[in-house]
Amino acid sequence: MRTTLENLDNVLLNKLGAGGSPLAYVTRKDVALPESPTVPGEDDPGVGLPTLQEELIRRTRHEGAHYVADNQAVWNIIRSFTHGGPAWN
């Protein structure tokens, strides 16, 4: 199961959605968009951090036509990973 989840994370990080963001934004833990460039209580992470990919995952909205298409793409990926196996149920 752990290998499957790691493979799924890898696919979602490396496949871009309709708006150009990695599909990992669809499955991120916090749906609400951050209000500031840094996480509250977090120190400046340094030059060039967070990466563009991390910011796209963190800030892409969960609404609109691109989200609908990306959500469907994520479901298709998850289905292909799990269909017919023990994770399907």
Protein backbone atom coordinates (compact mmCIF):
# COMPACT_ATOMS: atom_id res chain seq x y z
CA MET A 1 0.00 0.00 0.00
CA ARG A 2 2.82 2.41 0.89
CA THR A 3 4.47 1.88 -2.49
CA THR A 4 1.19 2.55 -4.27
CA LEU A 5 0.64 5.82 -2.37
CA GLU A 6 4.22 6.94 -3.07
CA ASN A 7 3.80 6.12 -6.77
CA LEU A 8 0.49 7.99 -6.85
CA ASP A 9 2.08 11.04 -5.18
CA ASN A 10 4.90 10.93 -7.73
CA VAL A 11 2.49 10.82 -10.67
CA LEU A 12 0.41 13.70 -9.29
CA LEU A 13 3.53 15.81 -8.69
CA ASN A 14 4.82 15.25 -12.22
CA LYS A 15 1.62 15.47 -14.29
CA LEU A 16 0.35 18.96 -15.06
CA GLY A 17 -3.33 19.84 -15.04
CA ALA A 18 -5.38 21.97 -17.41
CA GLY A 19 -4.09 25.24 -15.94
CA GLY A 20 -0.44 24.15 -15.77
CA SER A 21 -0.32 23.27 -12.06
CA PRO A 22 0.80 19.84 -10.85
CA LEU A 23 -2.25 17.64 -10.21
CA ALA A 24 -1.08 17.24 -6.61
CA TYR A 25 -2.98 20.44 -5.80
CA VAL A 26 -6.25 18.48 -6.08
CA THR A 27 -5.29 16.21 -3.17
CA ARG A 28 -3.54 18.75 -0.94
CA LYS A 29 -4.37 18.65 2.76
CA ASP A 30 -5.50 22.28 3.14
CA VAL A 31 -8.09 23.40 0.59
CA ALA A 32 -8.23 27.04 1.73
CA LEU A 33 -5.75 29.31 -0.01
CA PRO A 34 -3.07 30.93 2.16
CA GLU A 35 -3.51 34.64 2.78
CA SER A 36 0.18 35.51 2.77
CA PRO A 37 3.25 34.33 0.84
CA THR A 38 4.48 32.44 3.90
CA VAL A 39 2.71 30.09 6.24
CA PRO A 40 1.74 31.84 9.51
CA GLY A 41 4.38 31.22 12.16
CA GLU A 42 6.88 30.03 9.57
CA ASP A 43 10.24 31.73 9.11
CA ASP A 44 11.43 32.77 5.69
CA PRO A 45 12.52 29.46 4.11
CA GLY A 46 15.33 31.09 2.11
CA VAL A 47 16.16 32.21 -1.40
CA GLY A 48 14.17 30.41 -4.08
CA LEU A 49 11.98 28.64 -1.55
CA PRO A 50 9.27 27.52 -1.69
CA THR A 51 9.73 26.24 -5.21
CA LEU A 52 7.41 27.22 -8.03
CA GLN A 53 5.95 23.70 -7.98
CA GLU A 54 5.25 23.92 -4.23
CA GLU A 55 3.58 27.32 -4.62
CA LEU A 56 1.42 26.11 -7.50
CA ILE A 57 0.27 23.14 -5.43
CA ARG A 58 -0.38 25.39 -2.44
CA ARG A 59 -2.22 28.20 -4.27
CA THR A 60 -4.19 26.69 -7.17
CA ARG A 61 -7.91 27.14 -6.51
CA HIS A 62 -10.36 24.30 -6.03
CA GLU A 63 -12.98 25.88 -8.28
CA GLY A 64 -13.63 26.58 -11.94
CA ALA A 65 -13.40 24.64 -15.17
CA HIS A 66 -9.72 23.71 -14.75
CA TYR A 67 -10.40 22.22 -11.32
CA VAL A 68 -13.29 20.15 -12.66
CA ALA A 69 -11.10 18.75 -15.44
CA ASP A 70 -8.16 18.17 -13.09
CA ASN A 71 -10.36 16.49 -10.48
CA GLN A 72 -11.62 14.08 -13.14
CA ALA A 73 -8.05 13.40 -14.29
CA VAL A 74 -6.99 12.63 -10.71
CA TRP A 75 -9.92 10.24 -10.30
CA ASN A 76 -8.93 8.46 -13.52
CA ILE A 77 -5.36 8.09 -12.27
CA ILE A 78 -6.49 6.78 -8.88
CA ARG A 79 -8.89 4.37 -10.59
CA SER A 80 -6.15 3.02 -12.85
CA PHE A 81 -3.91 2.47 -9.80
CA THR A 82 -6.53 0.72 -7.69
CA HIS A 83 -9.13 -0.93 -9.94
CA GLY A 84 -9.26 -4.67 -9.46
CA GLY A 85 -6.89 -4.58 -6.48
CA PRO A 86 -7.39 -4.58 -2.71
CA ALA A 87 -7.52 -0.75 -2.57
CA TRP A 88 -10.53 -0.60 -4.91
CA ASN A 89 -13.07 -1.07 -2.13
